[in-house]
PDB file of all heavy atoms in Angstrom:
ATOM      1  N   ALA A   1      -7.135  15.222  -1.749  1.00  0.00           N
ATOM      2  CA  ALA A   1      -6.482  14.578  -0.595  1.00  0.00           C
ATOM      3  C   ALA A   1      -7.512  14.362   0.514  1.00  0.00           C
ATOM      4  O   ALA A   1      -8.449  15.135   0.632  1.00  0.00           O
ATOM      5  CB  ALA A   1      -5.353  15.459  -0.104  1.00  0.00           C
ATOM      6  N   MET A   2      -7.290  13.319   1.276  1.00  0.00           N
ATOM      7  CA  MET A   2      -8.237  12.939   2.340  1.00  0.00           C
ATOM      8  C   MET A   2      -7.512  12.810   3.644  1.00  0.00           C
ATOM      9  O   MET A   2      -6.296  12.448   3.677  1.00  0.00           O
ATOM     10  CB  MET A   2      -8.974  11.666   2.043  1.00  0.00           C
ATOM     11  CG  MET A   2      -9.773  11.678   0.764  1.00  0.00           C
ATOM     12  SD  MET A   2     -11.189  12.838   0.813  1.00  0.00           S
ATOM     13  CE  MET A   2     -12.180  12.043   2.098  1.00  0.00           C
ATOM     14  N   GLY A   3      -8.166  13.098   4.777  1.00  0.00           N
ATOM     15  CA  GLY A   3      -7.553  12.960   6.039  1.00  0.00           C
ATOM     16  C   GLY A   3      -8.466  12.358   7.049  1.00  0.00           C
ATOM     17  O   GLY A   3      -9.721  12.275   6.848  1.00  0.00           O
ATOM     18  N   TRP A   4      -7.912  11.857   8.158  1.00  0.00           N
ATOM     19  CA  TRP A   4      -8.617  11.396   9.321  1.00  0.00           C
ATOM     20  C   TRP A   4      -8.186  12.230  10.491  1.00  0.00           C
ATOM     21  O   TRP A   4      -6.997  12.491  10.676  1.00  0.00           O
ATOM     22  CB  TRP A   4      -8.334   9.921   9.600  1.00  0.00           C
ATOM     23  CG  TRP A   4      -8.963   8.984   8.659  1.00  0.00           C
ATOM     24  CD1 TRP A   4      -8.433   8.356   7.564  1.00  0.00           C
ATOM     25  CD2 TRP A   4     -10.321   8.443   8.765  1.00  0.00           C
ATOM     26  NE1 TRP A   4      -9.342   7.550   6.958  1.00  0.00           N
ATOM     27  CE2 TRP A   4     -10.506   7.573   7.682  1.00  0.00           C
ATOM     28  CE3 TRP A   4     -11.361   8.653   9.687  1.00  0.00           C
ATOM     29  CZ2 TRP A   4     -11.694   6.883   7.475  1.00  0.00           C
ATOM     30  CZ3 TRP A   4     -12.545   7.954   9.465  1.00  0.00           C
ATOM     31  CH2 TRP A   4     -12.694   7.077   8.398  1.00  0.00           C
ATOM     32  N   PHE A   5      -9.164  12.641  11.261  1.00  0.00           N
ATOM     33  CA  PHE A   5      -8.970  13.394  12.483  1.00  0.00           C
ATOM     34  C   PHE A   5      -9.718  12.698  13.632  1.00  0.00           C
ATOM     35  O   PHE A   5     -10.575  11.816  13.392  1.00  0.00           O
ATOM     36  CB  PHE A   5      -9.465  14.806  12.328  1.00  0.00           C
ATOM     37  CG  PHE A   5      -8.646  15.643  11.416  1.00  0.00           C
ATOM     38  CD1 PHE A   5      -8.755  15.536  10.007  1.00  0.00           C
ATOM     39  CD2 PHE A   5      -7.753  16.578  11.891  1.00  0.00           C
ATOM     40  CE1 PHE A   5      -7.974  16.279   9.155  1.00  0.00           C
ATOM     41  CE2 PHE A   5      -6.951  17.339  11.027  1.00  0.00           C
ATOM     42  CZ  PHE A   5      -7.084  17.185   9.672  1.00  0.00           C
ATOM     43  N   ARG A   6      -9.389  13.066  14.840  1.00  0.00           N
ATOM     44  CA  ARG A   6     -10.139  12.540  15.954  1.00  0.00           C
ATOM     45  C   ARG A   6     -10.306  13.601  17.083  1.00  0.00           C
ATOM     46  O   ARG A   6      -9.529  14.496  17.147  1.00  0.00           O
ATOM     47  CB  ARG A   6      -9.433  11.296  16.523  1.00  0.00           C
ATOM     48  CG  ARG A   6      -8.088  11.567  17.172  1.00  0.00           C
ATOM     49  CD  ARG A   6      -7.417  10.264  17.555  1.00  0.00           C
ATOM     50  NE  ARG A   6      -6.128  10.457  18.225  1.00  0.00           N
ATOM     51  CZ  ARG A   6      -5.296   9.412  18.465  1.00  0.00           C
ATOM     52  NH1 ARG A   6      -5.589   8.195  18.179  1.00  0.00           N
ATOM     53  NH2 ARG A   6      -4.144   9.717  19.071  1.00  0.00           N
ATOM     54  N   GLN A   7     -11.315  13.382  17.820  1.00  0.00           N
ATOM     55  CA  GLN A   7     -11.632  14.319  18.953  1.00  0.00           C
ATOM     56  C   GLN A   7     -12.111  13.541  20.173  1.00  0.00           C
ATOM     57  O   GLN A   7     -13.151  12.926  20.102  1.00  0.00           O
ATOM     58  CB  GLN A   7     -12.630  15.352  18.480  1.00  0.00           C
ATOM     59  CG  GLN A   7     -12.836  16.497  19.467  1.00  0.00           C
ATOM     60  CD  GLN A   7     -13.593  17.664  18.895  1.00  0.00           C
ATOM     61  OE1 GLN A   7     -14.245  17.562  17.875  1.00  0.00           O
ATOM     62  NE2 GLN A   7     -13.466  18.829  19.540  1.00  0.00           N
ATOM     63  N   ALA A   8     -11.352  13.662  21.215  1.00  0.00           N
ATOM     64  CA  ALA A   8     -11.718  13.029  22.517  1.00  0.00           C
ATOM     65  C   ALA A   8     -12.480  14.039  23.302  1.00  0.00           C
ATOM     66  O   ALA A   8     -12.396  15.301  23.108  1.00  0.00           O
ATOM     67  CB  ALA A   8     -10.488  12.585  23.244  1.00  0.00           C
ATOM     68  N   PRO A   9     -13.307  13.605  24.281  1.00  0.00           N
ATOM     69  CA  PRO A   9     -14.057  14.515  25.068  1.00  0.00           C
ATOM     70  C   PRO A   9     -13.214  15.537  25.805  1.00  0.00           C
ATOM     71  O   PRO A   9     -12.156  15.189  26.357  1.00  0.00           O
ATOM     72  CB  PRO A   9     -14.746  13.602  26.130  1.00  0.00           C
ATOM     73  CG  PRO A   9     -14.829  12.289  25.425  1.00  0.00           C
ATOM     74  CD  PRO A   9     -13.627  12.219  24.579  1.00  0.00           C
ATOM     75  N   GLY A  10     -13.579  16.823  25.650  1.00  0.00           N
ATOM     76  CA  GLY A  10     -12.817  17.932  26.296  1.00  0.00           C
ATOM     77  C   GLY A  10     -11.534  18.271  25.641  1.00  0.00           C
ATOM     78  O   GLY A  10     -10.800  19.120  26.161  1.00  0.00           O
ATOM     79  N   LYS A  11     -11.302  17.713  24.480  1.00  0.00           N
ATOM     80  CA  LYS A  11     -10.058  18.023  23.737  1.00  0.00           C
ATOM     81  C   LYS A  11     -10.379  18.562  22.366  1.00  0.00           C
ATOM     82  O   LYS A  11     -11.459  18.387  21.852  1.00  0.00           O
ATOM     83  CB  LYS A  11      -9.162  16.766  23.639  1.00  0.00           C
ATOM     84  CG  LYS A  11      -8.645  16.244  24.995  1.00  0.00           C
ATOM     85  CD  LYS A  11      -7.665  15.155  24.781  1.00  0.00           C
ATOM     86  CE  LYS A  11      -7.078  14.664  26.092  1.00  0.00           C
ATOM     87  NZ  LYS A  11      -6.082  13.570  25.954  1.00  0.00           N
ATOM     88  N   GLU A  12      -9.353  19.238  21.774  1.00  0.00           N
ATOM     89  CA  GLU A  12      -9.541  19.755  20.444  1.00  0.00           C
ATOM     90  C   GLU A  12      -9.392  18.618  19.424  1.00  0.00           C
ATOM     91  O   GLU A  12      -8.754  17.542  19.657  1.00  0.00           O
ATOM     92  CB  GLU A  12      -8.488  20.849  20.201  1.00  0.00           C
ATOM     93  CG  GLU A  12      -8.628  22.078  21.024  1.00  0.00           C
ATOM     94  CD  GLU A  12      -7.780  23.203  20.606  1.00  0.00           C
ATOM     95  OE1 GLU A  12      -6.883  22.972  19.795  1.00  0.00           O
ATOM     96  OE2 GLU A  12      -7.970  24.332  21.105  1.00  0.00           O
ATOM     97  N   ARG A  13      -9.891  18.858  18.246  1.00  0.00           N
ATOM     98  CA  ARG A  13      -9.789  17.915  17.143  1.00  0.00           C
ATOM     99  C   ARG A  13      -8.321  17.854  16.740  1.00  0.00           C
ATOM    100  O   ARG A  13      -7.703  18.879  16.515  1.00  0.00           O
ATOM    101  CB  ARG A  13     -10.686  18.345  16.004  1.00  0.00           C
ATOM    102  CG  ARG A  13     -10.822  17.296  14.901  1.00  0.00           C
ATOM    103  CD  ARG A  13     -11.972  17.619  13.965  1.00  0.00           C
ATOM    104  NE  ARG A  13     -13.248  17.691  14.673  1.00  0.00           N
ATOM    105  CZ  ARG A  13     -14.415  17.804  14.071  1.00  0.00           C
ATOM    106  NH1 ARG A  13     -14.474  17.876  12.732  1.00  0.00           N
ATOM    107  NH2 ARG A  13     -15.537  17.851  14.721  1.00  0.00           N
ATOM    108  N   GLU A  14      -7.828  16.625  16.589  1.00  0.00           N
ATOM    109  CA  GLU A  14      -6.412  16.485  16.241  1.00  0.00           C
ATOM    110  C   GLU A  14      -6.251  15.643  14.980  1.00  0.00           C
ATOM    111  O   GLU A  14      -7.032  14.731  14.718  1.00  0.00           O
ATOM    112  CB  GLU A  14      -5.643  15.868  17.373  1.00  0.00           C
ATOM    113  CG  GLU A  14      -5.969  14.473  17.714  1.00  0.00           C
ATOM    114  CD  GLU A  14      -5.061  13.833  18.743  1.00  0.00           C
ATOM    115  OE1 GLU A  14      -4.042  14.488  19.163  1.00  0.00           O
ATOM    116  OE2 GLU A  14      -5.280  12.627  19.092  1.00  0.00           O
ATOM    117  N   PHE A  15      -5.189  15.917  14.315  1.00  0.00           N
ATOM    118  CA  PHE A  15      -4.820  15.189  13.057  1.00  0.00           C
ATOM    119  C   PHE A  15      -4.393  13.817  13.345  1.00  0.00           C
ATOM    120  O   PHE A  15      -3.679  13.574  14.318  1.00  0.00           O
ATOM    121  CB  PHE A  15      -3.737  15.999  12.337  1.00  0.00           C
ATOM    122  CG  PHE A  15      -3.115  15.274  11.187  1.00  0.00           C
ATOM    123  CD1 PHE A  15      -3.803  15.160  10.001  1.00  0.00           C
ATOM    124  CD2 PHE A  15      -1.873  14.753  11.276  1.00  0.00           C
ATOM    125  CE1 PHE A  15      -3.283  14.492   8.926  1.00  0.00           C
ATOM    126  CE2 PHE A  15      -1.298  14.048  10.157  1.00  0.00           C
ATOM    127  CZ  PHE A  15      -2.010  13.946   9.001  1.00  0.00           C
ATOM    128  N   VAL A  16      -4.808  12.848  12.514  1.00  0.00           N
ATOM    129  CA  VAL A  16      -4.383  11.474  12.611  1.00  0.00           C
ATOM    130  C   VAL A  16      -3.547  11.052  11.407  1.00  0.00           C
ATOM    131  O   VAL A  16      -2.438  10.577  11.542  1.00  0.00           O
ATOM    132  CB  VAL A  16      -5.623  10.550  12.791  1.00  0.00           C
ATOM    133  CG1 VAL A  16      -5.141   9.035  12.766  1.00  0.00           C
ATOM    134  CG2 VAL A  16      -6.374  10.877  14.042  1.00  0.00           C
ATOM    135  N   ALA A  17      -4.135  11.189  10.216  1.00  0.00           N
ATOM    136  CA  ALA A  17      -3.424  10.747   9.010  1.00  0.00           C
ATOM    137  C   ALA A  17      -4.038  11.448   7.778  1.00  0.00           C
ATOM    138  O   ALA A  17      -5.184  11.876   7.849  1.00  0.00           O
ATOM    139  CB  ALA A  17      -3.542   9.260   8.862  1.00  0.00           C
ATOM    140  N   ALA A  18      -3.213  11.488   6.720  1.00  0.00           N
ATOM    141  CA  ALA A  18      -3.721  12.023   5.453  1.00  0.00           C
ATOM    142  C   ALA A  18      -3.134  11.268   4.309  1.00  0.00           C
ATOM    143  O   ALA A  18      -2.052  10.660   4.449  1.00  0.00           O
ATOM    144  CB  ALA A  18      -3.358  13.505   5.338  1.00  0.00           C
ATOM    145  N   ILE A  19      -3.818  11.321   3.143  1.00  0.00           N
ATOM    146  CA  ILE A  19      -3.358  10.618   1.984  1.00  0.00           C
ATOM    147  C   ILE A  19      -3.597  11.494   0.757  1.00  0.00           C
ATOM    148  O   ILE A  19      -4.613  12.183   0.705  1.00  0.00           O
ATOM    149  CB  ILE A  19      -4.065   9.242   1.821  1.00  0.00           C
ATOM    150  CG1 ILE A  19      -3.399   8.393   0.729  1.00  0.00           C
ATOM    151  CG2 ILE A  19      -5.551   9.403   1.658  1.00  0.00           C
ATOM    152  CD1 ILE A  19      -3.851   6.940   0.778  1.00  0.00           C
ATOM    153  N   SER A  20      -2.674  11.514  -0.149  1.00  0.00           N
ATOM    154  CA  SER A  20      -2.809  12.304  -1.361  1.00  0.00           C
ATOM    155  C   SER A  20      -3.858  11.821  -2.281  1.00  0.00           C
ATOM    156  O   SER A  20      -4.369  10.730  -2.123  1.00  0.00           O
ATOM    157  CB  SER A  20      -1.450  12.385  -2.064  1.00  0.00           C
ATOM    158  OG  SER A  20      -1.097  11.113  -2.531  1.00  0.00           O
ATOM    159  N   TRP A  21      -4.265  12.615  -3.281  1.00  0.00           N
ATOM    160  CA  TRP A  21      -5.330  12.288  -4.196  1.00  0.00           C
ATOM    161  C   TRP A  21      -5.013  10.992  -4.924  1.00  0.00           C
ATOM    162  O   TRP A  21      -5.895  10.179  -5.249  1.00  0.00           O
ATOM    163  CB  TRP A  21      -5.573  13.406  -5.198  1.00  0.00           C
ATOM    164  CG  TRP A  21      -4.382  13.725  -6.053  1.00  0.00           C
ATOM    165  CD1 TRP A  21      -3.318  14.520  -5.739  1.00  0.00           C
ATOM    166  CD2 TRP A  21      -4.122  13.207  -7.365  1.00  0.00           C
ATOM    167  NE1 TRP A  21      -2.444  14.591  -6.794  1.00  0.00           N
ATOM    168  CE2 TRP A  21      -2.940  13.754  -7.810  1.00  0.00           C
ATOM    169  CE3 TRP A  21      -4.825  12.317  -8.214  1.00  0.00           C
ATOM    170  CZ2 TRP A  21      -2.326  13.399  -9.059  1.00  0.00           C
ATOM    171  CZ3 TRP A  21      -4.274  11.996  -9.417  1.00  0.00           C
ATOM    172  CH2 TRP A  21      -3.073  12.559  -9.821  1.00  0.00           C
ATOM    173  N   SER A  22      -3.732  10.715  -5.224  1.00  0.00           N
ATOM    174  CA  SER A  22      -3.398   9.518  -5.965  1.00  0.00           C
ATOM    175  C   SER A  22      -3.112   8.334  -5.011  1.00  0.00           C
ATOM    176  O   SER A  22      -3.001   7.176  -5.485  1.00  0.00           O
ATOM    177  CB  SER A  22      -2.122   9.792  -6.772  1.00  0.00           C
ATOM    178  OG  SER A  22      -1.022   9.982  -5.881  1.00  0.00           O
ATOM    179  N   GLY A  23      -2.985   8.605  -3.758  1.00  0.00           N
ATOM    180  CA  GLY A  23      -2.588   7.541  -2.776  1.00  0.00           C
ATOM    181  C   GLY A  23      -1.116   7.344  -2.681  1.00  0.00           C
ATOM    182  O   GLY A  23      -0.651   6.509  -1.900  1.00  0.00           O
ATOM    183  N   GLY A  24      -0.351   8.128  -3.427  1.00  0.00           N
ATOM    184  CA  GLY A  24       1.110   7.915  -3.466  1.00  0.00           C
ATOM    185  C   GLY A  24       1.842   8.515  -2.301  1.00  0.00           C
ATOM    186  O   GLY A  24       2.982   8.153  -1.996  1.00  0.00           O
ATOM    187  N   SER A  25       1.195   9.433  -1.559  1.00  0.00           N
ATOM    188  CA  SER A  25       1.864  10.080  -0.352  1.00  0.00           C
ATOM    189  C   SER A  25       0.943   9.951   0.848  1.00  0.00           C
ATOM    190  O   SER A  25      -0.279  10.090   0.706  1.00  0.00           O
ATOM    191  CB  SER A  25       2.162  11.524  -0.649  1.00  0.00           C
ATOM    192  OG  SER A  25       3.057  11.681  -1.752  1.00  0.00           O
ATOM    193  N   THR A  26       1.565   9.783   1.974  1.00  0.00           N
ATOM    194  CA  THR A  26       0.829   9.703   3.220  1.00  0.00           C
ATOM    195  C   THR A  26       1.527  10.513   4.273  1.00  0.00           C
ATOM    196  O   THR A  26       2.684  10.795   4.195  1.00  0.00           O
ATOM    197  CB  THR A  26       0.644   8.263   3.705  1.00  0.00           C
ATOM    198  OG1 THR A  26       1.918   7.628   3.870  1.00  0.00           O
ATOM    199  CG2 THR A  26      -0.218   7.432   2.764  1.00  0.00           C
ATOM    200  N   LEU A  27       0.763  10.902   5.317  1.00  0.00           N
ATOM    201  CA  LEU A  27       1.299  11.625   6.407  1.00  0.00           C
ATOM    202  C   LEU A  27       0.589  11.173   7.654  1.00  0.00           C
ATOM    203  O   LEU A  27      -0.591  10.948   7.650  1.00  0.00           O
ATOM    204  CB  LEU A  27       1.002  13.169   6.231  1.00  0.00           C
ATOM    205  CG  LEU A  27       1.541  14.121   7.317  1.00  0.00           C
ATOM    206  CD1 LEU A  27       3.045  14.161   7.268  1.00  0.00           C
ATOM    207  CD2 LEU A  27       0.919  15.525   7.027  1.00  0.00           C
ATOM    208  N   TYR A  28       1.378  10.991   8.746  1.00  0.00           N
ATOM    209  CA  TYR A  28       0.819  10.489  10.018  1.00  0.00           C
ATOM    210  C   TYR A  28       1.199  11.345  11.226  1.00  0.00           C
ATOM    211  O   TYR A  28       2.310  11.927  11.224  1.00  0.00           O
ATOM    212  CB  TYR A  28       1.298   9.027  10.277  1.00  0.00           C
ATOM    213  CG  TYR A  28       0.800   8.014   9.261  1.00  0.00           C
ATOM    214  CD1 TYR A  28       1.572   7.696   8.148  1.00  0.00           C
ATOM    215  CD2 TYR A  28      -0.417   7.435   9.450  1.00  0.00           C
ATOM    216  CE1 TYR A  28       1.117   6.731   7.230  1.00  0.00           C
ATOM    217  CE2 TYR A  28      -0.858   6.455   8.566  1.00  0.00           C
ATOM    218  CZ  TYR A  28      -0.063   6.150   7.457  1.00  0.00           C
ATOM    219  OH  TYR A  28      -0.511   5.247   6.523  1.00  0.00           O
ATOM    220  N   ALA A  29       0.309  11.384  12.168  1.00  0.00           N
ATOM    221  CA  ALA A  29       0.721  12.009  13.429  1.00  0.00           C
ATOM    222  C   ALA A  29       1.669  11.064  14.183  1.00  0.00           C
ATOM    223  O   ALA A  29       1.604   9.864  13.988  1.00  0.00           O
ATOM    224  CB  ALA A  29      -0.525  12.179  14.341  1.00  0.00           C
TER     225      ALA A  29
END
């Protein structure tokens, strides 16, 4: 599974989106 995260200055790293190994499932902030 793969994910995308982001971090703005002065903030903690936050979750953006994820996708399963097959691409069949996704998750979003």
